[in-house]
């Protein structure tokens, strides 16, 4: 059974930084490197939206609202994907979810981690 576990969320002041991590278990080591990994977020009363995604061997893509501030990266040796968030704004406040999308069109989600940006 594939599980994604996020960590690193919390409360931070505007302009601050956080680093989210998401580690996958139950996924074969030959599968993880060819899996597209993504971070999504959902603010209260809003739909879940893509923040950043990184395919295997491809370039990362970002939502316009986070370009230049957030960086997604992956460490296939650790089955882990990261989201470095700098210059955080109150509008970044949301629950952040990790997603793994395999080449077999299977989609897995983490339980989410809360990020709150407030002074």
PDB file of N, CA and C in Angstrom:
ATOM      1  N   UNK A   1       0.848  -1.185   0.000  1.00  0.00           N
ATOM      2  CA  UNK A   1       0.000   0.000   0.000  1.00  0.00           C
ATOM      3  C   UNK A   1       0.888   1.241   0.000  1.00  0.00           C
ATOM      4  N   UNK A   2       0.644   2.110  -0.972  1.00  0.00           N
ATOM      5  CA  UNK A   2       1.443   3.324  -1.085  1.00  0.00           C
ATOM      6  C   UNK A   2       0.960   4.359  -0.077  1.00  0.00           C
ATOM      7  N   UNK A   3       1.896   4.945   0.638  1.00  0.00           N
ATOM      8  CA  UNK A   3       1.575   6.023   1.572  1.00  0.00           C
ATOM      9  C   UNK A   3       2.520   7.181   1.342  1.00  0.00           C
ATOM     10  N   UNK A   4       1.962   8.379   1.392  1.00  0.00           N
ATOM     11  CA  UNK A   4       2.750   9.604   1.316  1.00  0.00           C
ATOM     12  C   UNK A   4       2.584  10.354   2.629  1.00  0.00           C
ATOM     13  N   UNK A   5       3.685  10.717   3.227  1.00  0.00           N
ATOM     14  CA  UNK A   5       3.638  11.412   4.511  1.00  0.00           C
ATOM     15  C   UNK A   5       4.356  12.745   4.382  1.00  0.00           C
ATOM     16  N   UNK A   6       3.590  13.819   4.589  1.00  0.00           N
ATOM     17  CA  UNK A   6       4.162  15.168   4.525  1.00  0.00           C
ATOM     18  C   UNK A   6       4.614  15.626   5.902  1.00  0.00           C
ATOM     19  N   UNK A   7       5.572  16.528   5.902  1.00  0.00           N
ATOM     20  CA  UNK A   7       6.011  17.163   7.133  1.00  0.00           C
ATOM     21  C   UNK A   7       6.579  18.529   6.791  1.00  0.00           C
ATOM     22  N   UNK A   8       6.758  19.355   7.824  1.00  0.00           N
ATOM     23  CA  UNK A   8       7.402  20.641   7.627  1.00  0.00           C
ATOM     24  C   UNK A   8       6.486  21.847   7.658  1.00  0.00           C
ATOM     25  N   UNK A   9       5.188  21.618   7.758  1.00  0.00           N
ATOM     26  CA  UNK A   9       4.276  22.748   7.825  1.00  0.00           C
ATOM     27  C   UNK A   9       4.358  23.456   9.164  1.00  0.00           C
ATOM     28  N   UNK A  10       3.665  24.584   9.264  1.00  0.00           N
ATOM     29  CA  UNK A  10       3.662  25.316  10.520  1.00  0.00           C
ATOM     30  C   UNK A  10       3.237  26.749  10.333  1.00  0.00           C
ATOM     31  N   UNK A  11       3.488  27.536  11.371  1.00  0.00           N
ATOM     32  CA  UNK A  11       3.159  28.956  11.373  1.00  0.00           C
ATOM     33  C   UNK A  11       4.421  29.760  11.111  1.00  0.00           C
ATOM     34  N   UNK A  12       4.333  30.682  10.178  1.00  0.00           N
ATOM     35  CA  UNK A  12       5.492  31.497   9.841  1.00  0.00           C
ATOM     36  C   UNK A  12       5.028  32.921   9.548  1.00  0.00           C
ATOM     37  N   UNK A  13       5.876  33.874   9.807  1.00  0.00           N
ATOM     38  CA  UNK A  13       5.543  35.266   9.535  1.00  0.00           C
ATOM     39  C   UNK A  13       5.694  35.577   8.050  1.00  0.00           C
ATOM     40  N   UNK A  14       4.988  36.583   7.569  1.00  0.00           N
ATOM     41  CA  UNK A  14       5.163  36.992   6.164  1.00  0.00           C
ATOM     42  C   UNK A  14       6.628  37.275   5.859  1.00  0.00           C
ATOM     43  N   UNK A  15       7.065  36.803   4.699  1.00  0.00           N
ATOM     44  CA  UNK A  15       8.454  36.946   4.311  1.00  0.00           C
ATOM     45  C   UNK A  15       9.328  35.792   4.753  1.00  0.00           C
ATOM     46  N   UNK A  16       8.800  34.926   5.584  1.00  0.00           N
ATOM     47  CA  UNK A  16       9.571  33.806   6.094  1.00  0.00           C
ATOM     48  C   UNK A  16       9.633  32.639   5.130  1.00  0.00           C
ATOM     49  N   UNK A  17      10.263  31.563   5.596  1.00  0.00           N
ATOM     50  CA  UNK A  17      10.473  30.382   4.763  1.00  0.00           C
ATOM     51  C   UNK A  17      10.063  29.111   5.498  1.00  0.00           C
ATOM     52  N   UNK A  18       9.660  28.136   4.718  1.00  0.00           N
ATOM     53  CA  UNK A  18       9.400  26.794   5.219  1.00  0.00           C
ATOM     54  C   UNK A  18       9.849  25.802   4.157  1.00  0.00           C
ATOM     55  N   UNK A  19      10.186  24.611   4.616  1.00  0.00           N
ATOM     56  CA  UNK A  19      10.528  23.539   3.698  1.00  0.00           C
ATOM     57  C   UNK A  19       9.636  22.341   4.004  1.00  0.00           C
ATOM     58  N   UNK A  20       8.831  21.976   3.033  1.00  0.00           N
ATOM     59  CA  UNK A  20       7.972  20.816   3.172  1.00  0.00           C
ATOM     60  C   UNK A  20       8.675  19.585   2.608  1.00  0.00           C
ATOM     61  N   UNK A  21       8.427  18.456   3.242  1.00  0.00           N
ATOM     62  CA  UNK A  21       8.960  17.180   2.757  1.00  0.00           C
ATOM     63  C   UNK A  21       7.812  16.188   2.618  1.00  0.00           C
ATOM     64  N   UNK A  22       7.968  15.285   1.683  1.00  0.00           N
ATOM     65  CA  UNK A  22       6.968  14.234   1.492  1.00  0.00           C
ATOM     66  C   UNK A  22       7.717  12.960   1.122  1.00  0.00           C
ATOM     67  N   UNK A  23       7.566  11.948   1.956  1.00  0.00           N
ATOM     68  CA  UNK A  23       8.241  10.681   1.723  1.00  0.00           C
ATOM     69  C   UNK A  23       7.230   9.594   1.398  1.00  0.00           C
ATOM     70  N   UNK A  24       7.534   8.850   0.357  1.00  0.00           N
ATOM     71  CA  UNK A  24       6.648   7.779  -0.088  1.00  0.00           C
ATOM     72  C   UNK A  24       7.133   6.428   0.415  1.00  0.00           C
ATOM     73  N   UNK A  25       6.202   5.619   0.857  1.00  0.00           N
ATOM     74  CA  UNK A  25       6.509   4.245   1.236  1.00  0.00           C
ATOM     75  C   UNK A  25       5.557   3.313   0.496  1.00  0.00           C
ATOM     76  N   UNK A  26       5.976   2.064   0.361  1.00  0.00           N
ATOM     77  CA  UNK A  26       5.113   1.107  -0.311  1.00  0.00           C
ATOM     78  C   UNK A  26       5.145   1.221  -1.816  1.00  0.00           C
ATOM     79  N   UNK A  27       6.079   1.998  -2.341  1.00  0.00           N
ATOM     80  CA  UNK A  27       6.200   2.148  -3.782  1.00  0.00           C
ATOM     81  C   UNK A  27       7.557   1.596  -4.184  1.00  0.00           C
ATOM     82  N   UNK A  28       7.572   0.794  -5.223  1.00  0.00           N
ATOM     83  CA  UNK A  28       8.806   0.144  -5.622  1.00  0.00           C
ATOM     84  C   UNK A  28       9.858   1.177  -6.011  1.00  0.00           C
ATOM     85  N   UNK A  29      11.102   0.889  -5.664  1.00  0.00           N
ATOM     86  CA  UNK A  29      12.185   1.828  -5.947  1.00  0.00           C
ATOM     87  C   UNK A  29      12.378   2.052  -7.439  1.00  0.00           C
ATOM     88  N   UNK A  30      11.913   1.109  -8.271  1.00  0.00           N
ATOM     89  CA  UNK A  30      12.049   1.317  -9.706  1.00  0.00           C
ATOM     90  C   UNK A  30      10.910   2.176 -10.231  1.00  0.00           C
ATOM     91  N   UNK A  31       9.871   2.334  -9.438  1.00  0.00           N
ATOM     92  CA  UNK A  31       8.707   3.101  -9.865  1.00  0.00           C
ATOM     93  C   UNK A  31       8.843   4.571  -9.474  1.00  0.00           C
ATOM     94  N   UNK A  32       9.335   4.830  -8.267  1.00  0.00           N
ATOM     95  CA  UNK A  32       9.375   6.204  -7.768  1.00  0.00           C
ATOM     96  C   UNK A  32      10.127   7.147  -8.699  1.00  0.00           C
ATOM     97  N   UNK A  33      11.285   6.752  -9.223  1.00  0.00           N
ATOM     98  CA  UNK A  33      12.018   7.706 -10.078  1.00  0.00           C
ATOM     99  C   UNK A  33      11.284   8.115 -11.343  1.00  0.00           C
ATOM    100  N   UNK A  34      10.324   7.325 -11.793  1.00  0.00           N
ATOM    101  CA  UNK A  34       9.607   7.671 -13.023  1.00  0.00           C
ATOM    102  C   UNK A  34       8.214   8.185 -12.726  1.00  0.00           C
ATOM    103  N   UNK A  35       7.993   8.539 -11.487  1.00  0.00           N
ATOM    104  CA  UNK A  35       6.698   9.062 -11.055  1.00  0.00           C
ATOM    105  C   UNK A  35       6.731  10.581 -11.025  1.00  0.00           C
ATOM    106  N   UNK A  36       5.677  11.201 -11.526  1.00  0.00           N
ATOM    107  CA  UNK A  36       5.564  12.655 -11.409  1.00  0.00           C
ATOM    108  C   UNK A  36       5.114  13.002 -10.000  1.00  0.00           C
ATOM    109  N   UNK A  37       5.828  13.920  -9.390  1.00  0.00           N
ATOM    110  CA  UNK A  37       5.529  14.332  -8.022  1.00  0.00           C
ATOM    111  C   UNK A  37       5.057  15.774  -8.020  1.00  0.00           C
ATOM    112  N   UNK A  38       4.106  16.051  -7.177  1.00  0.00           N
ATOM    113  CA  UNK A  38       3.573  17.403  -7.146  1.00  0.00           C
ATOM    114  C   UNK A  38       3.148  17.832  -5.762  1.00  0.00           C
ATOM    115  N   UNK A  39       3.081  19.130  -5.603  1.00  0.00           N
ATOM    116  CA  UNK A  39       2.524  19.733  -4.401  1.00  0.00           C
ATOM    117  C   UNK A  39       1.289  20.536  -4.797  1.00  0.00           C
ATOM    118  N   UNK A  40       0.221  20.327  -4.064  1.00  0.00           N
ATOM    119  CA  UNK A  40      -1.017  21.051  -4.250  1.00  0.00           C
ATOM    120  C   UNK A  40      -1.358  21.743  -2.940  1.00  0.00           C
ATOM    121  N   UNK A  41      -2.266  22.703  -3.022  1.00  0.00           N
ATOM    122  CA  UNK A  41      -2.729  23.334  -1.789  1.00  0.00           C
ATOM    123  C   UNK A  41      -4.210  23.660  -1.887  1.00  0.00           C
ATOM    124  N   UNK A  42      -4.818  23.723  -0.728  1.00  0.00           N
ATOM    125  CA  UNK A  42      -6.230  24.057  -0.665  1.00  0.00           C
ATOM    126  C   UNK A  42      -6.472  24.990   0.509  1.00  0.00           C
ATOM    127  N   UNK A  43      -6.908  26.188   0.174  1.00  0.00           N
ATOM    128  CA  UNK A  43      -7.249  27.177   1.192  1.00  0.00           C
ATOM    129  C   UNK A  43      -8.736  27.040   1.530  1.00  0.00           C
ATOM    130  N   UNK A  44      -9.131  27.510   2.694  1.00  0.00           N
ATOM    131  CA  UNK A  44     -10.547  27.394   3.085  1.00  0.00           C
ATOM    132  C   UNK A  44     -11.469  28.030   2.050  1.00  0.00           C
ATOM    133  N   UNK A  45     -12.486  27.293   1.645  1.00  0.00           N
ATOM    134  CA  UNK A  45     -13.455  27.805   0.695  1.00  0.00           C
ATOM    135  C   UNK A  45     -12.990  27.832  -0.745  1.00  0.00           C
ATOM    136  N   UNK A  46     -11.806  27.290  -1.011  1.00  0.00           N
ATOM    137  CA  UNK A  46     -11.265  27.298  -2.377  1.00  0.00           C
ATOM    138  C   UNK A  46     -10.993  25.880  -2.847  1.00  0.00           C
ATOM    139  N   UNK A  47     -10.866  25.750  -4.164  1.00  0.00           N
ATOM    140  CA  UNK A  47     -10.546  24.451  -4.728  1.00  0.00           C
ATOM    141  C   UNK A  47      -9.063  24.146  -4.567  1.00  0.00           C
ATOM    142  N   UNK A  48      -8.767  22.871  -4.551  1.00  0.00           N
ATOM    143  CA  UNK A  48      -7.361  22.473  -4.506  1.00  0.00           C
ATOM    144  C   UNK A  48      -6.685  22.891  -5.803  1.00  0.00           C
ATOM    145  N   UNK A  49      -5.482  23.433  -5.686  1.00  0.00           N
ATOM    146  CA  UNK A  49      -4.770  23.909  -6.861  1.00  0.00           C
ATOM    147  C   UNK A  49      -3.346  23.379  -6.870  1.00  0.00           C
ATOM    148  N   UNK A  50      -2.823  23.224  -8.079  1.00  0.00           N
ATOM    149  CA  UNK A  50      -1.440  22.795  -8.244  1.00  0.00           C
ATOM    150  C   UNK A  50      -0.506  23.937  -7.884  1.00  0.00           C
ATOM    151  N   UNK A  51       0.478  23.627  -7.064  1.00  0.00           N
ATOM    152  CA  UNK A  51       1.510  24.599  -6.709  1.00  0.00           C
ATOM    153  C   UNK A  51       2.747  24.382  -7.555  1.00  0.00           C
ATOM    154  N   UNK A  52       3.217  23.150  -7.600  1.00  0.00           N
ATOM    155  CA  UNK A  52       4.425  22.820  -8.355  1.00  0.00           C
ATOM    156  C   UNK A  52       4.430  21.332  -8.642  1.00  0.00           C
ATOM    157  N   UNK A  53       5.052  20.966  -9.749  1.00  0.00           N
ATOM    158  CA  UNK A  53       5.174  19.551 -10.107  1.00  0.00           C
ATOM    159  C   UNK A  53       6.531  19.310 -10.732  1.00  0.00           C
ATOM    160  N   UNK A  54       7.045  18.108 -10.523  1.00  0.00           N
ATOM    161  CA  UNK A  54       8.334  17.757 -11.092  1.00  0.00           C
ATOM    162  C   UNK A  54       8.235  16.342 -11.657  1.00  0.00           C
ATOM    163  N   UNK A  55       8.309  16.216 -12.982  1.00  0.00           N
ATOM    164  CA  UNK A  55       8.252  14.899 -13.597  1.00  0.00           C
ATOM    165  C   UNK A  55       9.613  14.221 -13.514  1.00  0.00           C
ATOM    166  N   UNK A  56       9.651  12.956 -13.877  1.00  0.00           N
ATOM    167  CA  UNK A  56      10.936  12.275 -13.870  1.00  0.00           C
ATOM    168  C   UNK A  56      11.754  12.781 -15.046  1.00  0.00           C
ATOM    169  N   UNK A  57      12.930  13.292 -14.761  1.00  0.00           N
ATOM    170  CA  UNK A  57      13.831  13.729 -15.815  1.00  0.00           C
ATOM    171  C   UNK A  57      13.405  14.969 -16.568  1.00  0.00           C
ATOM    172  N   UNK A  58      12.374  15.637 -16.096  1.00  0.00           N
ATOM    173  CA  UNK A  58      11.904  16.822 -16.796  1.00  0.00           C
ATOM    174  C   UNK A  58      12.036  18.064 -15.950  1.00  0.00           C
ATOM    175  N   UNK A  59      11.607  19.165 -16.531  1.00  0.00           N
ATOM    176  CA  UNK A  59      11.681  20.429 -15.815  1.00  0.00           C
ATOM    177  C   UNK A  59      10.466  20.612 -14.919  1.00  0.00           C
ATOM    178  N   UNK A  60      10.696  21.255 -13.812  1.00  0.00           N
ATOM    179  CA  UNK A  60       9.596  21.530 -12.899  1.00  0.00           C
ATOM    180  C   UNK A  60       8.710  22.632 -13.468  1.00  0.00           C
ATOM    181  N   UNK A  61       7.453  22.609 -13.089  1.00  0.00           N
ATOM    182  CA  UNK A  61       6.568  23.707 -13.456  1.00  0.00           C
ATOM    183  C   UNK A  61       5.875  24.224 -12.200  1.00  0.00           C
ATOM    184  N   UNK A  62       5.526  25.492 -12.229  1.00  0.00           N
ATOM    185  CA  UNK A  62       5.017  26.177 -11.052  1.00  0.00           C
ATOM    186  C   UNK A  62       3.766  26.987 -11.381  1.00  0.00           C
ATOM    187  N   UNK A  63       2.936  27.149 -10.383  1.00  0.00           N
ATOM    188  CA  UNK A  63       1.830  28.089 -10.504  1.00  0.00           C
ATOM    189  C   UNK A  63       2.422  29.497 -10.589  1.00  0.00           C
ATOM    190  N   UNK A  64       1.789  30.363 -11.354  1.00  0.00           N
ATOM    191  CA  UNK A  64       2.299  31.726 -11.508  1.00  0.00           C
ATOM    192  C   UNK A  64       2.446  32.422 -10.161  1.00  0.00           C
ATOM    193  N   UNK A  65       1.572  32.112  -9.241  1.00  0.00           N
ATOM    194  CA  UNK A  65       1.563  32.807  -7.951  1.00  0.00           C
ATOM    195  C   UNK A  65       2.779  32.481  -7.082  1.00  0.00           C
ATOM    196  N   UNK A  66       3.495  31.401  -7.406  1.00  0.00           N
ATOM    197  CA  UNK A  66       4.640  31.012  -6.569  1.00  0.00           C
ATOM    198  C   UNK A  66       5.964  31.040  -7.314  1.00  0.00           C
ATOM    199  N   UNK A  67       5.932  31.343  -8.611  1.00  0.00           N
ATOM    200  CA  UNK A  67       7.172  31.384  -9.384  1.00  0.00           C
ATOM    201  C   UNK A  67       8.154  32.375  -8.781  1.00  0.00           C
ATOM    202  N   UNK A  68       9.400  31.921  -8.674  1.00  0.00           N
ATOM    203  CA  UNK A  68      10.441  32.777  -8.122  1.00  0.00           C
ATOM    204  C   UNK A  68      10.524  32.730  -6.606  1.00  0.00           C
ATOM    205  N   UNK A  69       9.536  32.114  -5.963  1.00  0.00           N
ATOM    206  CA  UNK A  69       9.545  32.029  -4.498  1.00  0.00           C
ATOM    207  C   UNK A  69       9.634  30.585  -4.008  1.00  0.00           C
ATOM    208  N   UNK A  70       9.022  29.663  -4.736  1.00  0.00           N
ATOM    209  CA  UNK A  70       9.001  28.260  -4.321  1.00  0.00           C
ATOM    210  C   UNK A  70       9.884  27.431  -5.254  1.00  0.00           C
ATOM    211  N   UNK A  71      10.478  26.388  -4.694  1.00  0.00           N
ATOM    212  CA  UNK A  71      11.290  25.462  -5.487  1.00  0.00           C
ATOM    213  C   UNK A  71      10.941  24.035  -5.105  1.00  0.00           C
ATOM    214  N   UNK A  72      10.596  23.239  -6.101  1.00  0.00           N
ATOM    215  CA  UNK A  72      10.322  21.829  -5.872  1.00  0.00           C
ATOM    216  C   UNK A  72      11.554  21.023  -6.280  1.00  0.00           C
ATOM    217  N   UNK A  73      11.855  20.000  -5.504  1.00  0.00           N
ATOM    218  CA  UNK A  73      12.986  19.136  -5.825  1.00  0.00           C
ATOM    219  C   UNK A  73      12.665  17.720  -5.337  1.00  0.00           C
ATOM    220  N   UNK A  74      13.456  16.766  -5.821  1.00  0.00           N
ATOM    221  CA  UNK A  74      13.209  15.387  -5.427  1.00  0.00           C
ATOM    222  C   UNK A  74      14.526  14.676  -5.174  1.00  0.00           C
ATOM    223  N   UNK A  75      14.483  13.710  -4.284  1.00  0.00           N
ATOM    224  CA  UNK A  75      15.624  12.843  -4.014  1.00  0.00           C
ATOM    225  C   UNK A  75      15.107  11.417  -4.174  1.00  0.00           C
ATOM    226  N   UNK A  76      15.367  10.842  -5.345  1.00  0.00           N
ATOM    227  CA  UNK A  76      14.852   9.506  -5.635  1.00  0.00           C
ATOM    228  C   UNK A  76      15.454   8.438  -4.733  1.00  0.00           C
ATOM    229  N   UNK A  77      16.659   8.682  -4.230  1.00  0.00           N
ATOM    230  CA  UNK A  77      17.288   7.700  -3.337  1.00  0.00           C
ATOM    231  C   UNK A  77      16.568   7.615  -1.997  1.00  0.00           C
ATOM    232  N   UNK A  78      15.806   8.674  -1.684  1.00  0.00           N
ATOM    233  CA  UNK A  78      15.068   8.705  -0.416  1.00  0.00           C
ATOM    234  C   UNK A  78      13.557   8.644  -0.617  1.00  0.00           C
ATOM    235  N   UNK A  79      13.124   8.466  -1.856  1.00  0.00           N
ATOM    236  CA  UNK A  79      11.688   8.464  -2.158  1.00  0.00           C
ATOM    237  C   UNK A  79      10.999   9.711  -1.599  1.00  0.00           C
ATOM    238  N   UNK A  80      11.655  10.844  -1.773  1.00  0.00           N
ATOM    239  CA  UNK A  80      11.192  12.067  -1.127  1.00  0.00           C
ATOM    240  C   UNK A  80      11.135  13.222  -2.118  1.00  0.00           C
ATOM    241  N   UNK A  81      10.119  14.048  -1.952  1.00  0.00           N
ATOM    242  CA  UNK A  81       9.996  15.283  -2.716  1.00  0.00           C
ATOM    243  C   UNK A  81       9.904  16.436  -1.716  1.00  0.00           C
ATOM    244  N   UNK A  82      10.490  17.561  -2.096  1.00  0.00           N
ATOM    245  CA  UNK A  82      10.556  18.721  -1.212  1.00  0.00           C
ATOM    246  C   UNK A  82       9.894  19.927  -1.874  1.00  0.00           C
ATOM    247  N   UNK A  83       9.473  20.851  -1.039  1.00  0.00           N
ATOM    248  CA  UNK A  83       9.000  22.144  -1.530  1.00  0.00           C
ATOM    249  C   UNK A  83       9.610  23.217  -0.626  1.00  0.00           C
ATOM    250  N   UNK A  84      10.573  23.931  -1.173  1.00  0.00           N
ATOM    251  CA  UNK A  84      11.182  25.044  -0.453  1.00  0.00           C
ATOM    252  C   UNK A  84      10.357  26.284  -0.736  1.00  0.00           C
ATOM    253  N   UNK A  85       9.853  26.900   0.309  1.00  0.00           N
ATOM    254  CA  UNK A  85       8.978  28.064   0.153  1.00  0.00           C
ATOM    255  C   UNK A  85       9.633  29.262   0.817  1.00  0.00           C
ATOM    256  N   UNK A  86       9.967  30.251   0.001  1.00  0.00           N
ATOM    257  CA  UNK A  86      10.572  31.481   0.496  1.00  0.00           C
ATOM    258  C   UNK A  86       9.643  32.652   0.221  1.00  0.00           C
ATOM    259  N   UNK A  87       9.860  33.735   0.923  1.00  0.00           N
ATOM    260  CA  UNK A  87       9.033  34.911   0.694  1.00  0.00           C
ATOM    261  C   UNK A  87       7.552  34.645   0.881  1.00  0.00           C
ATOM    262  N   UNK A  88       7.223  33.913   1.917  1.00  0.00           N
ATOM    263  CA  UNK A  88       5.824  33.504   2.108  1.00  0.00           C
ATOM    264  C   UNK A  88       4.911  34.695   2.349  1.00  0.00           C
ATOM    265  N   UNK A  89       3.707  34.577   1.820  1.00  0.00           N
ATOM    266  CA  UNK A  89       2.701  35.616   1.927  1.00  0.00           C
ATOM    267  C   UNK A  89       1.461  35.058   2.625  1.00  0.00           C
ATOM    268  N   UNK A  90       0.652  35.912   3.218  1.00  0.00           N
ATOM    269  CA  UNK A  90      -0.578  35.403   3.856  1.00  0.00           C
ATOM    270  C   UNK A  90      -1.449  34.589   2.915  1.00  0.00           C
ATOM    271  N   UNK A  91      -1.441  34.936   1.636  1.00  0.00           N
ATOM    272  CA  UNK A  91      -2.266  34.198   0.674  1.00  0.00           C
ATOM    273  C   UNK A  91      -1.717  32.805   0.367  1.00  0.00           C
ATOM    274  N   UNK A  92      -0.552  32.480   0.886  1.00  0.00           N
ATOM    275  CA  UNK A  92      -0.020  31.118   0.754  1.00  0.00           C
ATOM    276  C   UNK A  92      -0.590  30.189   1.829  1.00  0.00           C
ATOM    277  N   UNK A  93      -1.322  30.746   2.760  1.00  0.00           N
ATOM    278  CA  UNK A  93      -1.915  29.937   3.818  1.00  0.00           C
ATOM    279  C   UNK A  93      -2.880  28.913   3.237  1.00  0.00           C
ATOM    280  N   UNK A  94      -2.650  27.654   3.560  1.00  0.00           N
ATOM    281  CA  UNK A  94      -3.459  26.565   3.012  1.00  0.00           C
ATOM    282  C   UNK A  94      -2.978  25.247   3.610  1.00  0.00           C
ATOM    283  N   UNK A  95      -3.731  24.204   3.333  1.00  0.00           N
ATOM    284  CA  UNK A  95      -3.242  22.853   3.586  1.00  0.00           C
ATOM    285  C   UNK A  95      -2.520  22.408   2.317  1.00  0.00           C
ATOM    286  N   UNK A  96      -1.306  21.949   2.482  1.00  0.00           N
ATOM    287  CA  UNK A  96      -0.488  21.531   1.353  1.00  0.00           C
ATOM    288  C   UNK A  96      -0.467  20.007   1.276  1.00  0.00           C
ATOM    289  N   UNK A  97      -0.716  19.501   0.069  1.00  0.00           N
ATOM    290  CA  UNK A  97      -0.785  18.066  -0.162  1.00  0.00           C
ATOM    291  C   UNK A  97       0.275  17.630  -1.164  1.00  0.00           C
ATOM    292  N   UNK A  98       0.853  16.509  -0.884  1.00  0.00           N
ATOM    293  CA  UNK A  98       1.792  15.872  -1.784  1.00  0.00           C
ATOM    294  C   UNK A  98       1.040  14.879  -2.672  1.00  0.00           C
ATOM    295  N   UNK A  99       1.441  14.808  -3.925  1.00  0.00           N
ATOM    296  CA  UNK A  99       0.811  13.872  -4.858  1.00  0.00           C
ATOM    297  C   UNK A  99       1.871  13.124  -5.647  1.00  0.00           C
ATOM    298  N   UNK A 100       1.606  11.838  -5.849  1.00  0.00           N
ATOM    299  CA  UNK A 100       2.451  11.015  -6.722  1.00  0.00           C
ATOM    300  C   UNK A 100       1.569  10.441  -7.812  1.00  0.00           C
ATOM    301  N   UNK A 101       1.982  10.666  -9.055  1.00  0.00           N
ATOM    302  CA  UNK A 101       1.197  10.210 -10.202  1.00  0.00           C
ATOM    303  C   UNK A 101       2.081   9.296 -11.038  1.00  0.00           C
ATOM    304  N   UNK A 102       1.706   8.017 -11.088  1.00  0.00           N
ATOM    305  CA  UNK A 102       2.565   7.041 -11.751  1.00  0.00           C
ATOM    306  C   UNK A 102       2.262   6.961 -13.240  1.00  0.00           C
ATOM    307  N   UNK A 103       3.127   6.269 -13.959  1.00  0.00           N
ATOM    308  CA  UNK A 103       2.930   6.087 -15.397  1.00  0.00           C
ATOM    309  C   UNK A 103       1.754   5.155 -15.686  1.00  0.00           C
ATOM    310  N   UNK A 104       1.285   4.461 -14.674  1.00  0.00           N
ATOM    311  CA  UNK A 104       0.084   3.624 -14.829  1.00  0.00           C
ATOM    312  C   UNK A 104      -1.183   4.401 -14.514  1.00  0.00           C
ATOM    313  N   UNK A 105      -1.032   5.737 -14.411  1.00  0.00           N
ATOM    314  CA  UNK A 105      -2.155   6.637 -14.130  1.00  0.00           C
ATOM    315  C   UNK A 105      -2.772   6.415 -12.756  1.00  0.00           C
ATOM    316  N   UNK A 106      -1.961   5.966 -11.825  1.00  0.00           N
ATOM    317  CA  UNK A 106      -2.416   5.852 -10.440  1.00  0.00           C
ATOM    318  C   UNK A 106      -1.992   7.109  -9.700  1.00  0.00           C
ATOM    319  N   UNK A 107      -2.890   7.642  -8.895  1.00  0.00           N
ATOM    320  CA  UNK A 107      -2.634   8.886  -8.180  1.00  0.00           C
ATOM    321  C   UNK A 107      -2.743   8.653  -6.684  1.00  0.00           C
ATOM    322  N   UNK A 108      -1.736   9.089  -5.967  1.00  0.00           N
ATOM    323  CA  UNK A 108      -1.705   8.921  -4.515  1.00  0.00           C
ATOM    324  C   UNK A 108      -1.551  10.281  -3.848  1.00  0.00           C
ATOM    325  N   UNK A 109      -2.203  10.428  -2.707  1.00  0.00           N
ATOM    326  CA  UNK A 109      -2.182  11.696  -1.975  1.00  0.00           C
ATOM    327  C   UNK A 109      -1.718  11.493  -0.536  1.00  0.00           C
ATOM    328  N   UNK A 110      -1.031  12.499  -0.034  1.00  0.00           N
ATOM    329  CA  UNK A 110      -0.708  12.527   1.379  1.00  0.00           C
ATOM    330  C   UNK A 110      -1.875  13.081   2.176  1.00  0.00           C
ATOM    331  N   UNK A 111      -1.696  13.139   3.483  1.00  0.00           N
ATOM    332  CA  UNK A 111      -2.780  13.569   4.357  1.00  0.00           C
ATOM    333  C   UNK A 111      -2.847  15.086   4.477  1.00  0.00           C
ATOM    334  N   UNK A 112      -1.815  15.768   4.023  1.00  0.00           N
ATOM    335  CA  UNK A 112      -1.804  17.221   4.061  1.00  0.00           C
ATOM    336  C   UNK A 112      -1.079  17.766   5.277  1.00  0.00           C
ATOM    337  N   UNK A 113      -0.488  18.930   5.101  1.00  0.00           N
ATOM    338  CA  UNK A 113       0.173  19.629   6.199  1.00  0.00           C
ATOM    339  C   UNK A 113      -0.215  21.106   6.133  1.00  0.00           C
ATOM    340  N   UNK A 114      -0.535  21.664   7.276  1.00  0.00           N
ATOM    341  CA  UNK A 114      -1.027  23.036   7.331  1.00  0.00           C
ATOM    342  C   UNK A 114       0.129  24.026   7.292  1.00  0.00           C
ATOM    343  N   UNK A 115      -0.002  25.013   6.426  1.00  0.00           N
ATOM    344  CA  UNK A 115       0.927  26.137   6.371  1.00  0.00           C
ATOM    345  C   UNK A 115       0.123  27.398   6.639  1.00  0.00           C
ATOM    346  N   UNK A 116       0.524  28.136   7.655  1.00  0.00           N
ATOM    347  CA  UNK A 116      -0.154  29.373   8.008  1.00  0.00           C
ATOM    348  C   UNK A 116       0.857  30.502   8.005  1.00  0.00           C
ATOM    349  N   UNK A 117       0.565  31.538   7.226  1.00  0.00           N
ATOM    350  CA  UNK A 117       1.440  32.697   7.127  1.00  0.00           C
ATOM    351  C   UNK A 117       0.702  33.874   7.755  1.00  0.00           C
ATOM    352  N   UNK A 118       1.211  34.306   8.890  1.00  0.00           N
ATOM    353  CA  UNK A 118       0.521  35.367   9.630  1.00  0.00           C
ATOM    354  C   UNK A 118       1.479  36.048  10.582  1.00  0.00           C
ATOM    355  N   UNK A 119       1.234  37.323  10.780  1.00  0.00           N
ATOM    356  CA  UNK A 119       2.042  38.066  11.744  1.00  0.00           C
ATOM    357  C   UNK A 119       1.353  38.072  13.103  1.00  0.00           C
TER     358      UNK A 119
END
